[in-house]
Amino acid sequence: MAFDDKVDNKAEEVGGKVKEGVGKATDDERLEAEGKADQRASNLKQAGEKIKDVFKS
């Protein structure tokens, strides 16, 4: 996994956590759901990159 991909994916995950927290704090279910979706997308990307790394070895 390239370092910049790791940083991008982690930033997306953190952004999702922030959105989720703001959504909970403001009782905005849509924003909370967006945050959770961002986190899931980031986790899937990270898993995909790890699989690529395994096959590169």
C-alpha atoms as a PDB file:
ATOM      1  CA  MET A   1       0.000   0.000   0.000  1.00  0.00           C
ATOM      2  CA  ALA A   2       1.436   3.341  -0.999  1.00  0.00           C
ATOM      3  CA  PHE A   3       1.944   5.782   1.824  1.00  0.00           C
ATOM      4  CA  ASP A   4      -0.227   8.456   0.193  1.00  0.00           C
ATOM      5  CA  ASP A   5      -3.070   5.939  -0.186  1.00  0.00           C
ATOM      6  CA  LYS A   6      -2.805   5.120   3.518  1.00  0.00           C
ATOM      7  CA  VAL A   7      -2.968   8.801   4.404  1.00  0.00           C
ATOM      8  CA  ASP A   8      -5.935   9.432   2.102  1.00  0.00           C
ATOM      9  CA  ASN A   9      -7.857   6.457   3.459  1.00  0.00           C
ATOM     10  CA  LYS A  10      -7.134   7.394   7.061  1.00  0.00           C
ATOM     11  CA  ALA A  11      -8.191  10.991   6.395  1.00  0.00           C
ATOM     12  CA  GLU A  12     -11.463   9.739   4.916  1.00  0.00           C
ATOM     13  CA  GLU A  13     -12.018   7.532   7.962  1.00  0.00           C
ATOM     14  CA  VAL A  14     -11.334  10.399  10.379  1.00  0.00           C
ATOM     15  CA  GLY A  15     -13.576  12.713   8.354  1.00  0.00           C
ATOM     16  CA  GLY A  16     -16.322  10.115   8.594  1.00  0.00           C
ATOM     17  CA  LYS A  17     -15.930   9.913  12.345  1.00  0.00           C
ATOM     18  CA  VAL A  18     -16.172  13.700  12.591  1.00  0.00           C
ATOM     19  CA  LYS A  19     -19.306  13.763  10.418  1.00  0.00           C
ATOM     20  CA  GLU A  20     -20.855  10.999  12.495  1.00  0.00           C
ATOM     21  CA  GLY A  21     -20.067  12.854  15.733  1.00  0.00           C
ATOM     22  CA  VAL A  22     -21.434  16.150  14.455  1.00  0.00           C
ATOM     23  CA  GLY A  23     -24.537  14.353  13.211  1.00  0.00           C
ATOM     24  CA  LYS A  24     -25.104  12.809  16.633  1.00  0.00           C
ATOM     25  CA  ALA A  25     -24.477  16.104  18.418  1.00  0.00           C
ATOM     26  CA  THR A  26     -26.863  18.038  16.183  1.00  0.00           C
ATOM     27  CA  ASP A  27     -29.393  15.207  15.893  1.00  0.00           C
ATOM     28  CA  ASP A  28     -28.851  15.159  12.103  1.00  0.00           C
ATOM     29  CA  GLU A  29     -29.476  11.558  11.094  1.00  0.00           C
ATOM     30  CA  ARG A  30     -28.456  12.193   7.463  1.00  0.00           C
ATOM     31  CA  LEU A  31     -25.051  13.578   8.432  1.00  0.00           C
ATOM     32  CA  GLU A  32     -24.521  10.757  10.912  1.00  0.00           C
ATOM     33  CA  ALA A  33     -25.325   8.192   8.204  1.00  0.00           C
ATOM     34  CA  GLU A  34     -22.947   9.923   5.767  1.00  0.00           C
ATOM     35  CA  GLY A  35     -20.190   9.705   8.347  1.00  0.00           C
ATOM     36  CA  LYS A  36     -20.762   6.006   8.868  1.00  0.00           C
ATOM     37  CA  ALA A  37     -20.796   5.443   5.096  1.00  0.00           C
ATOM     38  CA  ASP A  38     -17.506   7.343   4.716  1.00  0.00           C
ATOM     39  CA  GLN A  39     -15.940   5.149   7.375  1.00  0.00           C
ATOM     40  CA  ARG A  40     -17.158   1.953   5.700  1.00  0.00           C
ATOM     41  CA  ALA A  41     -15.846   3.103   2.324  1.00  0.00           C
ATOM     42  CA  SER A  42     -12.487   3.913   3.832  1.00  0.00           C
ATOM     43  CA  ASN A  43     -12.285   0.534   5.560  1.00  0.00           C
ATOM     44  CA  LEU A  44     -13.097  -1.254   2.296  1.00  0.00           C
ATOM     45  CA  LYS A  45     -10.382   0.690   0.482  1.00  0.00           C
ATOM     46  CA  GLN A  46      -7.875  -0.176   3.196  1.00  0.00           C
ATOM     47  CA  ALA A  47      -8.811  -3.859   2.962  1.00  0.00           C
ATOM     48  CA  GLY A  48      -8.426  -3.759  -0.824  1.00  0.00           C
ATOM     49  CA  GLU A  49      -4.983  -2.214  -0.523  1.00  0.00           C
ATOM     50  CA  LYS A  50      -3.941  -4.877   1.983  1.00  0.00           C
ATOM     51  CA  ILE A  51      -5.059  -7.611  -0.417  1.00  0.00           C
ATOM     52  CA  LYS A  52      -3.013  -5.997  -3.195  1.00  0.00           C
ATOM     53  CA  ASP A  53       0.003  -5.958  -0.889  1.00  0.00           C
ATOM     54  CA  VAL A  54      -0.377  -9.677  -0.198  1.00  0.00           C
ATOM     55  CA  PHE A  55      -0.323 -10.509  -3.909  1.00  0.00           C
ATOM     56  CA  LYS A  56       2.683  -8.268  -4.538  1.00  0.00           C
ATOM     57  CA  SER A  57       4.790 -10.348  -2.132  1.00  0.00           C
END
